[in-house]
Amino acid sequence: MNNDIIAGKWLQLKGKAQAKWGDLTDDVFDVAAGDSKYLAGKLQERYGWDRDRAEREVDEFGKTLD
């Protein structure tokens, strides 16, 4: 899914993202506002994943939304 689509539908998708990555706070999702790179960075920070895994997680999440 394209980053513009994620950003445009962020309010709708936020709940699904929170369910998937429950260790991230509401503030993280509010600041992310659909920014996949920011979200991947926060996943790296919180879960200790490398950059590739965090970006893959965000990409896979985006694909489930099609």
PDB file of N, CA and C in Angstrom:
ATOM      1  N   MET A   1       0.841  -1.180   0.000  1.00  0.00           N
ATOM      2  CA  MET A   1       0.000   0.000   0.000  1.00  0.00           C
ATOM      3  C   MET A   1       0.880   1.235   0.000  1.00  0.00           C
ATOM      4  N   ASN A   2       0.508   2.167  -0.751  1.00  0.00           N
ATOM      5  CA  ASN A   2       1.215   3.417  -0.931  1.00  0.00           C
ATOM      6  C   ASN A   2       1.137   4.270   0.347  1.00  0.00           C
ATOM      7  N   ASN A   3       2.225   4.967   0.658  1.00  0.00           N
ATOM      8  CA  ASN A   3       2.280   5.791   1.872  1.00  0.00           C
ATOM      9  C   ASN A   3       1.206   6.865   1.892  1.00  0.00           C
ATOM     10  N   ASP A   4       0.848   7.436   0.724  1.00  0.00           N
ATOM     11  CA  ASP A   4      -0.193   8.456   0.672  1.00  0.00           C
ATOM     12  C   ASP A   4      -1.548   7.887   1.088  1.00  0.00           C
ATOM     13  N   ILE A   5      -1.810   6.648   0.696  1.00  0.00           N
ATOM     14  CA  ILE A   5      -3.066   5.998   1.072  1.00  0.00           C
ATOM     15  C   ILE A   5      -3.098   5.758   2.575  1.00  0.00           C
ATOM     16  N   ILE A   6      -1.979   5.282   3.119  1.00  0.00           N
ATOM     17  CA  ILE A   6      -1.908   5.056   4.567  1.00  0.00           C
ATOM     18  C   ILE A   6      -2.135   6.374   5.303  1.00  0.00           C
ATOM     19  N   ALA A   7      -1.493   7.433   4.860  1.00  0.00           N
ATOM     20  CA  ALA A   7      -1.646   8.736   5.520  1.00  0.00           C
ATOM     21  C   ALA A   7      -3.086   9.227   5.416  1.00  0.00           C
ATOM     22  N   GLY A   8      -3.705   9.060   4.263  1.00  0.00           N
ATOM     23  CA  GLY A   8      -5.066   9.528   4.053  1.00  0.00           C
ATOM     24  C   GLY A   8      -6.090   8.790   4.883  1.00  0.00           C
ATOM     25  N   LYS A   9      -5.848   7.534   5.168  1.00  0.00           N
ATOM     26  CA  LYS A   9      -6.793   6.713   5.923  1.00  0.00           C
ATOM     27  C   LYS A   9      -6.320   6.461   7.343  1.00  0.00           C
ATOM     28  N   TRP A  10      -5.374   7.240   7.813  1.00  0.00           N
ATOM     29  CA  TRP A  10      -4.722   6.945   9.079  1.00  0.00           C
ATOM     30  C   TRP A  10      -5.695   6.827  10.249  1.00  0.00           C
ATOM     31  N   LEU A  11      -6.652   7.725  10.341  1.00  0.00           N
ATOM     32  CA  LEU A  11      -7.563   7.666  11.477  1.00  0.00           C
ATOM     33  C   LEU A  11      -8.325   6.345  11.499  1.00  0.00           C
ATOM     34  N   GLN A  12      -8.674   5.840  10.332  1.00  0.00           N
ATOM     35  CA  GLN A  12      -9.376   4.568  10.248  1.00  0.00           C
ATOM     36  C   GLN A  12      -8.447   3.396  10.570  1.00  0.00           C
ATOM     37  N   LEU A  13      -7.201   3.516  10.160  1.00  0.00           N
ATOM     38  CA  LEU A  13      -6.251   2.416  10.304  1.00  0.00           C
ATOM     39  C   LEU A  13      -5.564   2.379  11.662  1.00  0.00           C
ATOM     40  N   LYS A  14      -5.612   3.492  12.356  1.00  0.00           N
ATOM     41  CA  LYS A  14      -4.893   3.622  13.627  1.00  0.00           C
ATOM     42  C   LYS A  14      -5.271   2.510  14.610  1.00  0.00           C
ATOM     43  N   GLY A  15      -6.548   2.183  14.706  1.00  0.00           N
ATOM     44  CA  GLY A  15      -6.992   1.143  15.626  1.00  0.00           C
ATOM     45  C   GLY A  15      -6.402  -0.217  15.289  1.00  0.00           C
ATOM     46  N   LYS A  16      -6.332  -0.524  14.000  1.00  0.00           N
ATOM     47  CA  LYS A  16      -5.747  -1.799  13.571  1.00  0.00           C
ATOM     48  C   LYS A  16      -4.260  -1.833  13.890  1.00  0.00           C
ATOM     49  N   ALA A  17      -3.590  -0.705  13.684  1.00  0.00           N
ATOM     50  CA  ALA A  17      -2.159  -0.630  13.980  1.00  0.00           C
ATOM     51  C   ALA A  17      -1.917  -0.781  15.481  1.00  0.00           C
ATOM     52  N   GLN A  18      -2.769  -0.168  16.288  1.00  0.00           N
ATOM     53  CA  GLN A  18      -2.618  -0.275  17.745  1.00  0.00           C
ATOM     54  C   GLN A  18      -2.839  -1.717  18.205  1.00  0.00           C
ATOM     55  N   ALA A  19      -3.764  -2.419  17.568  1.00  0.00           N
ATOM     56  CA  ALA A  19      -4.003  -3.815  17.934  1.00  0.00           C
ATOM     57  C   ALA A  19      -2.796  -4.678  17.577  1.00  0.00           C
ATOM     58  N   LYS A  20      -2.156  -4.380  16.457  1.00  0.00           N
ATOM     59  CA  LYS A  20      -1.010  -5.170  16.004  1.00  0.00           C
ATOM     60  C   LYS A  20       0.226  -4.892  16.857  1.00  0.00           C
ATOM     61  N   TRP A  21       0.478  -3.637  17.138  1.00  0.00           N
ATOM     62  CA  TRP A  21       1.681  -3.251  17.882  1.00  0.00           C
ATOM     63  C   TRP A  21       1.272  -2.580  19.187  1.00  0.00           C
ATOM     64  N   GLY A  22       0.723  -3.349  20.080  1.00  0.00           N
ATOM     65  CA  GLY A  22       0.174  -2.832  21.332  1.00  0.00           C
ATOM     66  C   GLY A  22       1.172  -2.198  22.275  1.00  0.00           C
ATOM     67  N   ASP A  23       2.452  -2.466  22.080  1.00  0.00           N
ATOM     68  CA  ASP A  23       3.457  -1.872  22.962  1.00  0.00           C
ATOM     69  C   ASP A  23       3.752  -0.410  22.621  1.00  0.00           C
ATOM     70  N   LEU A  24       3.253   0.050  21.483  1.00  0.00           N
ATOM     71  CA  LEU A  24       3.444   1.454  21.132  1.00  0.00           C
ATOM     72  C   LEU A  24       2.307   2.274  21.739  1.00  0.00           C
ATOM     73  N   THR A  25       2.616   3.473  22.155  1.00  0.00           N
ATOM     74  CA  THR A  25       1.625   4.320  22.818  1.00  0.00           C
ATOM     75  C   THR A  25       0.751   5.052  21.810  1.00  0.00           C
ATOM     76  N   ASP A  26      -0.368   5.572  22.311  1.00  0.00           N
ATOM     77  CA  ASP A  26      -1.251   6.386  21.472  1.00  0.00           C
ATOM     78  C   ASP A  26      -0.495   7.575  20.897  1.00  0.00           C
ATOM     79  N   ASP A  27       0.392   8.145  21.698  1.00  0.00           N
ATOM     80  CA  ASP A  27       1.165   9.305  21.230  1.00  0.00           C
ATOM     81  C   ASP A  27       1.992   8.968  19.998  1.00  0.00           C
ATOM     82  N   VAL A  28       2.587   7.786  19.972  1.00  0.00           N
ATOM     83  CA  VAL A  28       3.382   7.367  18.817  1.00  0.00           C
ATOM     84  C   VAL A  28       2.501   7.331  17.570  1.00  0.00           C
ATOM     85  N   PHE A  29       1.317   6.747  17.706  1.00  0.00           N
ATOM     86  CA  PHE A  29       0.418   6.667  16.556  1.00  0.00           C
ATOM     87  C   PHE A  29      -0.093   8.043  16.143  1.00  0.00           C
ATOM     88  N   ASP A  30      -0.320   8.917  17.113  1.00  0.00           N
ATOM     89  CA  ASP A  30      -0.765  10.272  16.778  1.00  0.00           C
ATOM     90  C   ASP A  30       0.313  11.040  16.016  1.00  0.00           C
ATOM     91  N   VAL A  31       1.553  10.918  16.461  1.00  0.00           N
ATOM     92  CA  VAL A  31       2.656  11.603  15.796  1.00  0.00           C
ATOM     93  C   VAL A  31       2.941  10.964  14.434  1.00  0.00           C
ATOM     94  N   ALA A  32       2.850   9.645  14.357  1.00  0.00           N
ATOM     95  CA  ALA A  32       3.120   8.945  13.093  1.00  0.00           C
ATOM     96  C   ALA A  32       2.183   9.427  12.002  1.00  0.00           C
ATOM     97  N   ALA A  33       0.910   9.543  12.328  1.00  0.00           N
ATOM     98  CA  ALA A  33      -0.108  10.036  11.384  1.00  0.00           C
ATOM     99  C   ALA A  33       0.085   9.468   9.982  1.00  0.00           C
ATOM    100  N   GLY A  34       0.411   8.190   9.903  1.00  0.00           N
ATOM    101  CA  GLY A  34       0.544   7.534   8.605  1.00  0.00           C
ATOM    102  C   GLY A  34       1.940   7.555   8.020  1.00  0.00           C
ATOM    103  N   ASP A  35       2.894   8.146   8.710  1.00  0.00           N
ATOM    104  CA  ASP A  35       4.274   8.195   8.220  1.00  0.00           C
ATOM    105  C   ASP A  35       4.934   6.841   8.478  1.00  0.00           C
ATOM    106  N   SER A  36       5.067   6.046   7.432  1.00  0.00           N
ATOM    107  CA  SER A  36       5.561   4.676   7.596  1.00  0.00           C
ATOM    108  C   SER A  36       7.003   4.629   8.091  1.00  0.00           C
ATOM    109  N   LYS A  37       7.831   5.570   7.687  1.00  0.00           N
ATOM    110  CA  LYS A  37       9.223   5.574   8.138  1.00  0.00           C
ATOM    111  C   LYS A  37       9.310   5.889   9.636  1.00  0.00           C
ATOM    112  N   TYR A  38       8.507   6.825  10.096  1.00  0.00           N
ATOM    113  CA  TYR A  38       8.472   7.153  11.525  1.00  0.00           C
ATOM    114  C   TYR A  38       7.997   5.936  12.320  1.00  0.00           C
ATOM    115  N   LEU A  39       6.929   5.310  11.821  1.00  0.00           N
ATOM    116  CA  LEU A  39       6.385   4.140  12.501  1.00  0.00           C
ATOM    117  C   LEU A  39       7.411   3.010  12.556  1.00  0.00           C
ATOM    118  N   ALA A  40       8.112   2.784  11.451  1.00  0.00           N
ATOM    119  CA  ALA A  40       9.152   1.748  11.425  1.00  0.00           C
ATOM    120  C   ALA A  40      10.255   2.075  12.439  1.00  0.00           C
ATOM    121  N   GLY A  41      10.623   3.334  12.540  1.00  0.00           N
ATOM    122  CA  GLY A  41      11.638   3.749  13.511  1.00  0.00           C
ATOM    123  C   GLY A  41      11.198   3.479  14.943  1.00  0.00           C
ATOM    124  N   LYS A  42       9.944   3.750  15.230  1.00  0.00           N
ATOM    125  CA  LYS A  42       9.431   3.499  16.575  1.00  0.00           C
ATOM    126  C   LYS A  42       9.339   1.999  16.860  1.00  0.00           C
ATOM    127  N   LEU A  43       9.022   1.197  15.851  1.00  0.00           N
ATOM    128  CA  LEU A  43       9.013  -0.252  16.028  1.00  0.00           C
ATOM    129  C   LEU A  43      10.417  -0.760  16.335  1.00  0.00           C
ATOM    130  N   GLN A  44      11.407  -0.208  15.629  1.00  0.00           N
ATOM    131  CA  GLN A  44      12.806  -0.570  15.892  1.00  0.00           C
ATOM    132  C   GLN A  44      13.164  -0.266  17.341  1.00  0.00           C
ATOM    133  N   GLU A  45      12.815   0.929  17.740  1.00  0.00           N
ATOM    134  CA  GLU A  45      13.162   1.408  19.082  1.00  0.00           C
ATOM    135  C   GLU A  45      12.474   0.568  20.164  1.00  0.00           C
ATOM    136  N   ARG A  46      11.199   0.310  20.011  1.00  0.00           N
ATOM    137  CA  ARG A  46      10.417  -0.361  21.053  1.00  0.00           C
ATOM    138  C   ARG A  46      10.650  -1.869  21.107  1.00  0.00           C
ATOM    139  N   TYR A  47      10.728  -2.492  19.924  1.00  0.00           N
ATOM    140  CA  TYR A  47      10.835  -3.946  19.878  1.00  0.00           C
ATOM    141  C   TYR A  47      12.267  -4.440  19.682  1.00  0.00           C
ATOM    142  N   GLY A  48      13.200  -3.530  19.426  1.00  0.00           N
ATOM    143  CA  GLY A  48      14.593  -3.918  19.250  1.00  0.00           C
ATOM    144  C   GLY A  48      14.871  -4.611  17.919  1.00  0.00           C
ATOM    145  N   TRP A  49      13.996  -4.378  16.937  1.00  0.00           N
ATOM    146  CA  TRP A  49      14.169  -4.974  15.619  1.00  0.00           C
ATOM    147  C   TRP A  49      15.178  -4.186  14.813  1.00  0.00           C
ATOM    148  N   ASP A  50      15.799  -4.853  13.825  1.00  0.00           N
ATOM    149  CA  ASP A  50      16.643  -4.102  12.906  1.00  0.00           C
ATOM    150  C   ASP A  50      15.745  -3.347  11.922  1.00  0.00           C
ATOM    151  N   ARG A  51      16.338  -2.423  11.200  1.00  0.00           N
ATOM    152  CA  ARG A  51      15.567  -1.559  10.308  1.00  0.00           C
ATOM    153  C   ARG A  51      14.788  -2.346   9.258  1.00  0.00           C
ATOM    154  N   ASP A  52      15.424  -3.364   8.684  1.00  0.00           N
ATOM    155  CA  ASP A  52      14.759  -4.160   7.652  1.00  0.00           C
ATOM    156  C   ASP A  52      13.506  -4.843   8.192  1.00  0.00           C
ATOM    157  N   ARG A  53      13.602  -5.405   9.380  1.00  0.00           N
ATOM    158  CA  ARG A  53      12.433  -6.083   9.945  1.00  0.00           C
ATOM    159  C   ARG A  53      11.315  -5.085  10.234  1.00  0.00           C
ATOM    160  N   ALA A  54      11.654  -3.943  10.809  1.00  0.00           N
ATOM    161  CA  ALA A  54      10.640  -2.941  11.129  1.00  0.00           C
ATOM    162  C   ALA A  54       9.939  -2.457   9.859  1.00  0.00           C
ATOM    163  N   GLU A  55      10.713  -2.180   8.812  1.00  0.00           N
ATOM    164  CA  GLU A  55      10.110  -1.727   7.555  1.00  0.00           C
ATOM    165  C   GLU A  55       9.261  -2.832   6.926  1.00  0.00           C
ATOM    166  N   ARG A  56       9.720  -4.072   7.041  1.00  0.00           N
ATOM    167  CA  ARG A  56       8.959  -5.209   6.512  1.00  0.00           C
ATOM    168  C   ARG A  56       7.627  -5.355   7.255  1.00  0.00           C
ATOM    169  N   GLU A  57       7.651  -5.191   8.559  1.00  0.00           N
ATOM    170  CA  GLU A  57       6.422  -5.260   9.357  1.00  0.00           C
ATOM    171  C   GLU A  57       5.411  -4.202   8.899  1.00  0.00           C
ATOM    172  N   VAL A  58       5.895  -2.977   8.691  1.00  0.00           N
ATOM    173  CA  VAL A  58       5.009  -1.896   8.252  1.00  0.00           C
ATOM    174  C   VAL A  58       4.487  -2.188   6.852  1.00  0.00           C
ATOM    175  N   ASP A  59       5.356  -2.656   5.968  1.00  0.00           N
ATOM    176  CA  ASP A  59       4.927  -2.994   4.601  1.00  0.00           C
ATOM    177  C   ASP A  59       3.890  -4.101   4.606  1.00  0.00           C
ATOM    178  N   GLU A  60       4.120  -5.143   5.399  1.00  0.00           N
ATOM    179  CA  GLU A  60       3.175  -6.253   5.473  1.00  0.00           C
ATOM    180  C   GLU A  60       1.842  -5.797   6.052  1.00  0.00           C
ATOM    181  N   PHE A  61       1.899  -4.903   7.024  1.00  0.00           N
ATOM    182  CA  PHE A  61       0.664  -4.339   7.591  1.00  0.00           C
ATOM    183  C   PHE A  61      -0.090  -3.594   6.494  1.00  0.00           C
ATOM    184  N   GLY A  62       0.633  -2.803   5.720  1.00  0.00           N
ATOM    185  CA  GLY A  62      -0.008  -2.059   4.639  1.00  0.00           C
ATOM    186  C   GLY A  62      -0.664  -2.964   3.621  1.00  0.00           C
ATOM    187  N   LYS A  63      -0.063  -4.096   3.334  1.00  0.00           N
ATOM    188  CA  LYS A  63      -0.627  -5.037   2.360  1.00  0.00           C
ATOM    189  C   LYS A  63      -1.915  -5.670   2.863  1.00  0.00           C
ATOM    190  N   THR A  64      -2.063  -5.814   4.162  1.00  0.00           N
ATOM    191  CA  THR A  64      -3.295  -6.399   4.708  1.00  0.00           C
ATOM    192  C   THR A  64      -4.466  -5.439   4.602  1.00  0.00           C
ATOM    193  N   LEU A  65      -4.179  -4.191   4.294  1.00  0.00           N
ATOM    194  CA  LEU A  65      -5.231  -3.171   4.253  1.00  0.00           C
ATOM    195  C   LEU A  65      -5.833  -2.992   2.869  1.00  0.00           C
ATOM    196  N   ASP A  66      -5.238  -3.611   1.869  1.00  0.00           N
ATOM    197  CA  ASP A  66      -5.749  -3.474   0.500  1.00  0.00           C
ATOM    198  C   ASP A  66      -7.125  -4.062   0.344  1.00  0.00           C
TER     199      ASP A  66
END
